[in-house]
Amino acid sequence: MNLSQVFAGLGFSQKITLDLTLFLVLAFVSFVFGMLIGRYRLVTVLINIYVAVAILGAVSVKLLPDYFNRLILFFGIIVVLTIIGKKMFEIPISGGGKGFLWRVFVMSFLEIMLVLSTTLAIVPKKIALGYVSPSAYDYLVLNNAPLIWMLLPLVFMFLINKKISR
């Protein structure tokens, strides 16, 4: 079943249906990711993503001119650091109770958005627009969007830890 066609059948415009479909797919992937990784590994994976972005930024484009090799390096660093750093950065998302699940979901959603933003920034625009709408590309890649997606998980962690510590 094509979600875009379902939303179009409900009267949504084509532009909105693509973005809404992307959001729902990302929400589902975020939920599954958060449940698979768990609260103990979410912060670890976030740190690994930051390290991968930093290393990728330091690698010369002359050394890895092909975007596919840059993607392999990006995801490879995340995977390797997550595997070998099992106990290195294990910082759980604290708390429990009724607010716990939404914190894990939001944190995993922000991580997925950061990875997607970084991935789309690596891939040439013409190829990226084959997977996401132009408006989604704009709010994920253009201008300061990658910086915003890098800061949002940190701001979220600050806010939830401030609430919990009261």
N, C-alpha and C. Protein backbone atom coordinates (compact mmCIF):
# COMPACT_ATOMS: atom_id res chain seq x y z
N MET A 1 0.84 -1.17 0.00
CA MET A 1 0.00 0.00 0.00
C MET A 1 0.89 1.24 0.00
N ASN A 2 0.61 2.16 -0.86
CA ASN A 2 1.37 3.40 -0.98
C ASN A 2 0.70 4.47 -0.11
N LEU A 3 1.41 4.91 0.93
CA LEU A 3 0.84 5.90 1.85
C LEU A 3 0.53 7.22 1.15
N SER A 4 1.35 7.59 0.18
CA SER A 4 1.11 8.85 -0.54
C SER A 4 -0.24 8.81 -1.25
N GLN A 5 -0.59 7.67 -1.83
CA GLN A 5 -1.87 7.55 -2.51
C GLN A 5 -3.02 7.59 -1.52
N VAL A 6 -2.83 7.00 -0.35
CA VAL A 6 -3.87 7.03 0.69
C VAL A 6 -4.13 8.47 1.11
N PHE A 7 -3.06 9.23 1.39
CA PHE A 7 -3.22 10.63 1.80
C PHE A 7 -3.80 11.47 0.67
N ALA A 8 -3.39 11.19 -0.56
CA ALA A 8 -3.95 11.92 -1.71
C ALA A 8 -5.44 11.65 -1.83
N GLY A 9 -5.84 10.41 -1.55
CA GLY A 9 -7.26 10.05 -1.58
C GLY A 9 -8.06 10.76 -0.51
N LEU A 10 -7.40 11.15 0.58
CA LEU A 10 -8.06 11.88 1.65
C LEU A 10 -8.14 13.38 1.38
N GLY A 11 -7.56 13.81 0.25
CA GLY A 11 -7.66 15.21 -0.14
C GLY A 11 -6.42 16.05 0.14
N PHE A 12 -5.35 15.42 0.60
CA PHE A 12 -4.12 16.18 0.84
C PHE A 12 -3.41 16.44 -0.49
N SER A 13 -2.69 17.56 -0.56
CA SER A 13 -1.94 17.86 -1.78
C SER A 13 -0.74 16.93 -1.90
N GLN A 14 -0.23 16.79 -3.11
CA GLN A 14 0.90 15.90 -3.37
C GLN A 14 2.13 16.28 -2.54
N LYS A 15 2.37 17.58 -2.41
CA LYS A 15 3.52 18.05 -1.65
C LYS A 15 3.42 17.64 -0.18
N ILE A 16 2.25 17.79 0.39
CA ILE A 16 2.06 17.44 1.80
C ILE A 16 2.07 15.93 1.99
N THR A 17 1.54 15.17 1.04
CA THR A 17 1.51 13.72 1.19
C THR A 17 2.91 13.13 1.24
N LEU A 18 3.84 13.65 0.45
CA LEU A 18 5.21 13.15 0.49
C LEU A 18 5.86 13.43 1.84
N ASP A 19 5.66 14.63 2.36
CA ASP A 19 6.24 14.98 3.65
C ASP A 19 5.58 14.20 4.79
N LEU A 20 4.28 14.04 4.73
CA LEU A 20 3.56 13.29 5.75
C LEU A 20 3.97 11.82 5.74
N THR A 21 4.13 11.26 4.55
CA THR A 21 4.59 9.87 4.43
C THR A 21 6.00 9.73 5.01
N LEU A 22 6.88 10.66 4.68
CA LEU A 22 8.24 10.64 5.23
C LEU A 22 8.21 10.71 6.74
N PHE A 23 7.39 11.60 7.29
CA PHE A 23 7.29 11.73 8.74
C PHE A 23 6.80 10.44 9.39
N LEU A 24 5.77 9.82 8.84
CA LEU A 24 5.24 8.59 9.42
C LEU A 24 6.25 7.44 9.34
N VAL A 25 6.93 7.34 8.21
CA VAL A 25 7.96 6.30 8.08
C VAL A 25 9.08 6.54 9.09
N LEU A 26 9.51 7.78 9.22
CA LEU A 26 10.56 8.10 10.18
C LEU A 26 10.10 7.88 11.62
N ALA A 27 8.85 8.17 11.91
CA ALA A 27 8.32 7.92 13.25
C ALA A 27 8.32 6.42 13.56
N PHE A 28 7.93 5.61 12.59
CA PHE A 28 7.94 4.16 12.79
C PHE A 28 9.37 3.64 12.96
N VAL A 29 10.27 4.08 12.09
CA VAL A 29 11.67 3.66 12.18
C VAL A 29 12.26 4.11 13.52
N SER A 30 11.92 5.30 13.97
CA SER A 30 12.42 5.81 15.25
C SER A 30 11.93 4.97 16.41
N PHE A 31 10.68 4.59 16.37
CA PHE A 31 10.12 3.75 17.43
C PHE A 31 10.83 2.40 17.47
N VAL A 32 10.99 1.77 16.33
CA VAL A 32 11.67 0.48 16.26
C VAL A 32 13.13 0.62 16.70
N PHE A 33 13.80 1.67 16.22
CA PHE A 33 15.19 1.93 16.60
C PHE A 33 15.32 2.11 18.10
N GLY A 34 14.45 2.92 18.68
CA GLY A 34 14.49 3.17 20.12
C GLY A 34 14.26 1.92 20.94
N MET A 35 13.35 1.06 20.48
CA MET A 35 13.07 -0.17 21.20
C MET A 35 14.23 -1.18 21.05
N LEU A 36 14.83 -1.22 19.87
CA LEU A 36 15.95 -2.15 19.65
C LEU A 36 17.21 -1.70 20.39
N ILE A 37 17.52 -0.44 20.33
CA ILE A 37 18.73 0.09 20.96
C ILE A 37 18.56 0.17 22.47
N GLY A 38 17.42 0.66 22.89
CA GLY A 38 17.16 0.78 24.32
C GLY A 38 17.70 2.06 24.90
N ARG A 39 17.23 2.39 26.08
CA ARG A 39 17.59 3.67 26.68
C ARG A 39 19.06 3.74 27.08
N TYR A 40 19.70 2.59 27.30
CA TYR A 40 21.10 2.60 27.70
C TYR A 40 22.04 2.90 26.54
N ARG A 41 21.59 2.64 25.32
CA ARG A 41 22.47 2.81 24.18
C ARG A 41 22.15 4.04 23.33
N LEU A 42 21.03 4.69 23.56
CA LEU A 42 20.66 5.84 22.72
C LEU A 42 21.68 6.98 22.80
N VAL A 43 22.14 7.30 23.98
CA VAL A 43 23.12 8.37 24.11
C VAL A 43 24.46 7.92 23.53
N THR A 44 24.80 6.65 23.69
CA THR A 44 26.02 6.11 23.11
C THR A 44 25.99 6.23 21.59
N VAL A 45 24.89 5.86 20.99
CA VAL A 45 24.76 5.96 19.53
C VAL A 45 24.82 7.42 19.10
N LEU A 46 24.22 8.32 19.85
CA LEU A 46 24.28 9.75 19.53
C LEU A 46 25.73 10.24 19.53
N ILE A 47 26.49 9.87 20.54
CA ILE A 47 27.91 10.26 20.59
C ILE A 47 28.65 9.68 19.39
N ASN A 48 28.34 8.43 19.03
CA ASN A 48 28.98 7.80 17.87
C ASN A 48 28.63 8.52 16.57
N ILE A 49 27.41 9.01 16.46
CA ILE A 49 27.01 9.77 15.26
C ILE A 49 27.82 11.06 15.20
N TYR A 50 27.96 11.75 16.33
CA TYR A 50 28.75 12.98 16.35
C TYR A 50 30.20 12.71 15.97
N VAL A 51 30.76 11.62 16.47
CA VAL A 51 32.14 11.27 16.13
C VAL A 51 32.24 10.97 14.64
N ALA A 52 31.28 10.25 14.08
CA ALA A 52 31.30 9.93 12.65
C ALA A 52 31.20 11.19 11.80
N VAL A 53 30.35 12.13 12.22
CA VAL A 53 30.23 13.39 11.48
C VAL A 53 31.55 14.17 11.55
N ALA A 54 32.18 14.18 12.71
CA ALA A 54 33.45 14.89 12.87
C ALA A 54 34.55 14.26 12.02
N ILE A 55 34.64 12.95 12.03
CA ILE A 55 35.67 12.27 11.22
C ILE A 55 35.39 12.49 9.74
N LEU A 56 34.15 12.38 9.34
CA LEU A 56 33.80 12.59 7.94
C LEU A 56 34.12 14.01 7.50
N GLY A 57 33.91 14.97 8.39
CA GLY A 57 34.25 16.35 8.08
C GLY A 57 35.74 16.58 7.97
N ALA A 58 36.51 15.76 8.67
CA ALA A 58 37.96 15.91 8.64
C ALA A 58 38.60 15.19 7.45
N VAL A 59 37.90 14.21 6.90
CA VAL A 59 38.43 13.47 5.75
C VAL A 59 38.28 14.33 4.50
N SER A 60 39.36 14.47 3.80
CA SER A 60 39.37 15.29 2.59
C SER A 60 38.47 14.69 1.51
N VAL A 61 37.79 15.56 0.81
CA VAL A 61 36.96 15.11 -0.32
C VAL A 61 37.86 14.50 -1.40
N LYS A 62 39.10 14.94 -1.46
CA LYS A 62 40.04 14.37 -2.42
C LYS A 62 40.35 12.92 -2.08
N LEU A 63 40.38 12.59 -0.79
CA LEU A 63 40.64 11.22 -0.36
C LEU A 63 39.47 10.31 -0.67
N LEU A 64 38.25 10.80 -0.44
CA LEU A 64 37.02 10.05 -0.71
C LEU A 64 36.09 10.91 -1.56
N PRO A 65 36.34 11.00 -2.87
CA PRO A 65 35.51 11.89 -3.69
C PRO A 65 34.11 11.33 -3.98
N ASP A 66 33.95 10.02 -3.92
CA ASP A 66 32.68 9.39 -4.24
C ASP A 66 31.76 9.43 -3.02
N TYR A 67 30.55 9.90 -3.21
CA TYR A 67 29.60 10.00 -2.10
C TYR A 67 29.29 8.65 -1.49
N PHE A 68 29.29 7.59 -2.30
CA PHE A 68 28.98 6.25 -1.78
C PHE A 68 30.04 5.82 -0.77
N ASN A 69 31.30 6.07 -1.06
CA ASN A 69 32.38 5.73 -0.12
C ASN A 69 32.28 6.57 1.15
N ARG A 70 31.86 7.82 1.02
CA ARG A 70 31.68 8.66 2.20
C ARG A 70 30.53 8.14 3.08
N LEU A 71 29.47 7.65 2.44
CA LEU A 71 28.36 7.05 3.20
C LEU A 71 28.80 5.78 3.92
N ILE A 72 29.59 4.95 3.23
CA ILE A 72 30.10 3.73 3.86
C ILE A 72 30.96 4.08 5.07
N LEU A 73 31.82 5.08 4.91
CA LEU A 73 32.66 5.52 6.04
C LEU A 73 31.79 6.02 7.19
N PHE A 74 30.80 6.85 6.89
CA PHE A 74 29.92 7.40 7.92
C PHE A 74 29.21 6.30 8.71
N PHE A 75 28.53 5.41 8.00
CA PHE A 75 27.80 4.34 8.69
C PHE A 75 28.74 3.31 9.31
N GLY A 76 29.88 3.08 8.67
CA GLY A 76 30.86 2.14 9.22
C GLY A 76 31.40 2.61 10.56
N ILE A 77 31.70 3.90 10.66
CA ILE A 77 32.20 4.46 11.92
C ILE A 77 31.14 4.31 13.02
N ILE A 78 29.90 4.60 12.69
CA ILE A 78 28.82 4.47 13.68
C ILE A 78 28.72 3.04 14.16
N VAL A 79 28.71 2.09 13.24
CA VAL A 79 28.56 0.67 13.60
C VAL A 79 29.75 0.19 14.41
N VAL A 80 30.96 0.49 13.95
CA VAL A 80 32.16 0.01 14.65
C VAL A 80 32.23 0.61 16.06
N LEU A 81 32.00 1.90 16.18
CA LEU A 81 32.04 2.52 17.51
C LEU A 81 30.96 1.98 18.43
N THR A 82 29.80 1.69 17.87
CA THR A 82 28.71 1.14 18.69
C THR A 82 29.06 -0.27 19.16
N ILE A 83 29.71 -1.04 18.32
CA ILE A 83 30.08 -2.41 18.69
C ILE A 83 31.22 -2.42 19.70
N ILE A 84 32.29 -1.65 19.43
CA ILE A 84 33.45 -1.71 20.32
C ILE A 84 33.28 -0.85 21.57
N GLY A 85 32.42 0.13 21.51
CA GLY A 85 32.24 1.03 22.65
C GLY A 85 31.10 0.60 23.54
N LYS A 86 30.93 -0.68 23.71
CA LYS A 86 29.78 -1.20 24.45
C LYS A 86 29.64 -0.57 25.85
N LYS A 87 30.73 -0.40 26.55
CA LYS A 87 30.66 0.16 27.90
C LYS A 87 31.28 1.54 28.00
N MET A 88 31.81 2.06 26.88
CA MET A 88 32.55 3.31 26.92
C MET A 88 31.68 4.51 27.30
N PHE A 89 30.55 4.68 26.64
CA PHE A 89 29.70 5.85 26.87
C PHE A 89 28.31 5.47 27.32
N GLU A 90 28.16 4.42 28.07
CA GLU A 90 26.83 3.96 28.42
C GLU A 90 26.18 4.91 29.42
N ILE A 91 25.41 5.85 28.89
CA ILE A 91 24.71 6.84 29.69
C ILE A 91 23.22 6.66 29.39
N PRO A 92 22.45 6.16 30.33
CA PRO A 92 21.03 5.91 30.03
C PRO A 92 20.21 7.18 30.01
N ILE A 93 19.11 7.11 29.31
CA ILE A 93 18.10 8.15 29.43
C ILE A 93 17.34 7.80 30.70
N SER A 94 17.51 8.64 31.70
CA SER A 94 17.04 8.29 33.03
C SER A 94 15.54 8.42 33.17
N GLY A 95 15.09 7.87 34.26
CA GLY A 95 13.68 7.98 34.61
C GLY A 95 12.90 6.73 34.26
N GLY A 96 11.67 6.79 34.55
CA GLY A 96 10.77 5.69 34.28
C GLY A 96 9.36 6.24 34.31
N GLY A 97 8.42 5.37 34.53
CA GLY A 97 7.05 5.82 34.63
C GLY A 97 6.43 6.14 33.29
N LYS A 98 5.39 6.96 33.34
CA LYS A 98 4.62 7.21 32.14
C LYS A 98 5.33 8.10 31.12
N GLY A 99 6.29 8.91 31.53
CA GLY A 99 6.98 9.79 30.61
C GLY A 99 8.20 9.17 29.96
N PHE A 100 8.56 7.97 30.39
CA PHE A 100 9.79 7.36 29.91
C PHE A 100 9.74 7.01 28.43
N LEU A 101 8.67 6.41 27.98
CA LEU A 101 8.58 5.94 26.60
C LEU A 101 8.65 7.09 25.60
N TRP A 102 8.00 8.20 25.89
CA TRP A 102 8.06 9.31 24.94
C TRP A 102 9.46 9.90 24.87
N ARG A 103 10.23 9.89 25.99
CA ARG A 103 11.61 10.39 25.96
C ARG A 103 12.48 9.52 25.06
N VAL A 104 12.31 8.21 25.16
CA VAL A 104 13.08 7.29 24.31
C VAL A 104 12.68 7.50 22.85
N PHE A 105 11.38 7.64 22.59
CA PHE A 105 10.93 7.85 21.21
C PHE A 105 11.47 9.15 20.63
N VAL A 106 11.35 10.24 21.37
CA VAL A 106 11.82 11.54 20.86
C VAL A 106 13.32 11.51 20.63
N MET A 107 14.07 10.93 21.55
CA MET A 107 15.52 10.86 21.38
C MET A 107 15.89 10.03 20.15
N SER A 108 15.24 8.89 19.97
CA SER A 108 15.54 8.06 18.80
C SER A 108 15.09 8.76 17.51
N PHE A 109 13.98 9.50 17.56
CA PHE A 109 13.53 10.26 16.39
C PHE A 109 14.56 11.32 16.01
N LEU A 110 15.07 12.04 17.00
CA LEU A 110 16.07 13.07 16.73
C LEU A 110 17.37 12.47 16.17
N GLU A 111 17.73 11.29 16.65
CA GLU A 111 18.93 10.63 16.12
C GLU A 111 18.72 10.19 14.67
N ILE A 112 17.55 9.65 14.38
CA ILE A 112 17.25 9.22 13.00
C ILE A 112 17.24 10.45 12.08
N MET A 113 16.68 11.55 12.53
CA MET A 113 16.67 12.77 11.72
C MET A 113 18.08 13.29 11.49
N LEU A 114 18.93 13.21 12.51
CA LEU A 114 20.33 13.63 12.36
C LEU A 114 21.05 12.75 11.34
N VAL A 115 20.85 11.45 11.41
CA VAL A 115 21.48 10.54 10.45
C VAL A 115 20.94 10.81 9.05
N LEU A 116 19.63 11.01 8.92
CA LEU A 116 19.04 11.29 7.61
C LEU A 116 19.56 12.61 7.06
N SER A 117 19.63 13.63 7.89
CA SER A 117 20.14 14.92 7.45
C SER A 117 21.59 14.81 6.98
N THR A 118 22.41 14.10 7.72
CA THR A 118 23.81 13.91 7.34
C THR A 118 23.92 13.10 6.06
N THR A 119 23.12 12.05 5.95
CA THR A 119 23.14 11.21 4.75
C THR A 119 22.74 12.01 3.52
N LEU A 120 21.67 12.78 3.63
CA LEU A 120 21.22 13.57 2.48
C LEU A 120 22.21 14.69 2.13
N ALA A 121 22.95 15.17 3.13
CA ALA A 121 23.96 16.19 2.86
C ALA A 121 25.15 15.59 2.10
N ILE A 122 25.41 14.30 2.29
CA ILE A 122 26.51 13.63 1.59
C ILE A 122 26.12 13.30 0.16
N VAL A 123 24.89 12.84 -0.02
CA VAL A 123 24.41 12.41 -1.33
C VAL A 123 24.16 13.64 -2.22
N PRO A 124 24.50 13.55 -3.51
CA PRO A 124 24.19 14.67 -4.41
C PRO A 124 22.68 14.99 -4.40
N LYS A 125 22.37 16.28 -4.53
CA LYS A 125 20.98 16.73 -4.42
C LYS A 125 20.06 16.02 -5.40
N LYS A 126 20.51 15.80 -6.62
CA LYS A 126 19.66 15.16 -7.63
C LYS A 126 19.26 13.75 -7.19
N ILE A 127 20.18 13.02 -6.60
CA ILE A 127 19.88 11.66 -6.13
C ILE A 127 19.00 11.73 -4.88
N ALA A 128 19.31 12.64 -3.97
CA ALA A 128 18.53 12.78 -2.74
C ALA A 128 17.07 13.11 -3.03
N LEU A 129 16.83 13.95 -4.04
CA LEU A 129 15.46 14.32 -4.37
C LEU A 129 14.67 13.17 -4.97
N GLY A 130 15.34 12.08 -5.30
CA GLY A 130 14.65 10.87 -5.72
C GLY A 130 14.03 10.12 -4.55
N TYR A 131 14.46 10.46 -3.34
CA TYR A 131 13.98 9.78 -2.13
C TYR A 131 13.11 10.65 -1.23
N VAL A 132 13.34 11.97 -1.27
CA VAL A 132 12.55 12.87 -0.42
C VAL A 132 12.04 14.02 -1.27
N SER A 133 11.02 14.68 -0.78
CA SER A 133 10.44 15.82 -1.50
C SER A 133 11.39 17.02 -1.40
N PRO A 134 11.25 17.98 -2.30
CA PRO A 134 12.09 19.18 -2.22
C PRO A 134 11.94 19.93 -0.89
N SER A 135 10.74 19.97 -0.35
CA SER A 135 10.56 20.67 0.92
C SER A 135 11.23 19.92 2.07
N ALA A 136 11.15 18.58 2.05
CA ALA A 136 11.83 17.79 3.08
C ALA A 136 13.34 17.95 2.95
N TYR A 137 13.83 17.99 1.72
CA TYR A 137 15.26 18.22 1.49
C TYR A 137 15.68 19.56 2.07
N ASP A 138 14.84 20.56 1.88
CA ASP A 138 15.15 21.90 2.39
C ASP A 138 15.29 21.90 3.91
N TYR A 139 14.33 21.30 4.63
CA TYR A 139 14.41 21.36 6.09
C TYR A 139 15.34 20.31 6.68
N LEU A 140 15.90 19.44 5.85
CA LEU A 140 16.89 18.49 6.34
C LEU A 140 18.32 18.88 5.98
N VAL A 141 18.52 19.59 4.87
CA VAL A 141 19.88 19.79 4.36
C VAL A 141 20.27 21.25 4.15
N LEU A 142 19.38 22.07 3.65
CA LEU A 142 19.77 23.41 3.24
C LEU A 142 20.06 24.34 4.42
N ASN A 143 20.87 25.34 4.13
CA ASN A 143 21.25 26.39 5.08
C ASN A 143 21.81 25.80 6.37
N ASN A 144 21.19 26.12 7.49
CA ASN A 144 21.69 25.66 8.79
C ASN A 144 20.99 24.41 9.29
N ALA A 145 20.24 23.74 8.44
CA ALA A 145 19.47 22.57 8.88
C ALA A 145 20.35 21.48 9.50
N PRO A 146 21.49 21.10 8.90
CA PRO A 146 22.31 20.06 9.55
C PRO A 146 22.78 20.47 10.95
N LEU A 147 23.11 21.74 11.12
CA LEU A 147 23.52 22.22 12.44
C LEU A 147 22.36 22.12 13.43
N ILE A 148 21.19 22.50 12.99
CA ILE A 148 20.01 22.42 13.87
C ILE A 148 19.73 20.98 14.26
N TRP A 149 19.82 20.05 13.30
CA TRP A 149 19.58 18.64 13.62
C TRP A 149 20.66 18.08 14.53
N MET A 150 21.86 18.67 14.50
CA MET A 150 22.91 18.24 15.43
C MET A 150 22.67 18.79 16.84
N LEU A 151 22.09 19.97 16.93
CA LEU A 151 21.87 20.59 18.24
C LEU A 151 20.61 20.09 18.94
N LEU A 152 19.59 19.73 18.19
CA LEU A 152 18.31 19.34 18.81
C LEU A 152 18.43 18.18 19.81
N PRO A 153 19.18 17.10 19.51
CA PRO A 153 19.29 16.04 20.53
C PRO A 153 19.97 16.53 21.81
N LEU A 154 20.96 17.41 21.68
CA LEU A 154 21.63 17.94 22.87
C LEU A 154 20.68 18.80 23.70
N VAL A 155 19.92 19.64 23.02
CA VAL A 155 18.95 20.49 23.71
C VAL A 155 17.89 19.62 24.40
N PHE A 156 17.43 18.59 23.70
CA PHE A 156 16.44 17.69 24.28
C PHE A 156 16.99 16.99 25.52
N MET A 157 18.23 16.49 25.45
CA MET A 157 18.82 15.83 26.62
C MET A 157 18.94 16.81 27.78
N PHE A 158 19.34 18.05 27.50
CA PHE A 158 19.44 19.06 28.54
C PHE A 158 18.08 19.29 29.19
N LEU A 159 17.04 19.42 28.38
CA LEU A 159 15.71 19.71 28.90
C LEU A 159 15.14 18.56 29.71
N ILE A 160 15.30 17.33 29.24
CA ILE A 160 14.71 16.22 29.99
C ILE A 160 15.51 15.94 31.26
N ASN A 161 16.81 16.13 31.25
CA ASN A 161 17.59 15.92 32.47
C ASN A 161 17.32 17.02 33.48
N LYS A 162 17.03 18.22 33.01
CA LYS A 162 16.70 19.32 33.91
C LYS A 162 15.35 19.03 34.59
N LYS A 163 14.38 18.54 33.82
CA LYS A 163 13.06 18.22 34.39
C LYS A 163 13.16 17.09 35.40
N ILE A 164 13.94 16.05 35.06
CA ILE A 164 14.03 14.87 35.92
C ILE A 164 14.75 15.20 37.22
N SER A 165 15.77 16.06 37.17
CA SER A 165 16.58 16.35 38.36
C SER A 165 15.87 17.24 39.36
N ARG A 166 14.75 17.82 39.00
CA ARG A 166 14.01 18.69 39.95
C ARG A 166 13.36 17.90 41.03
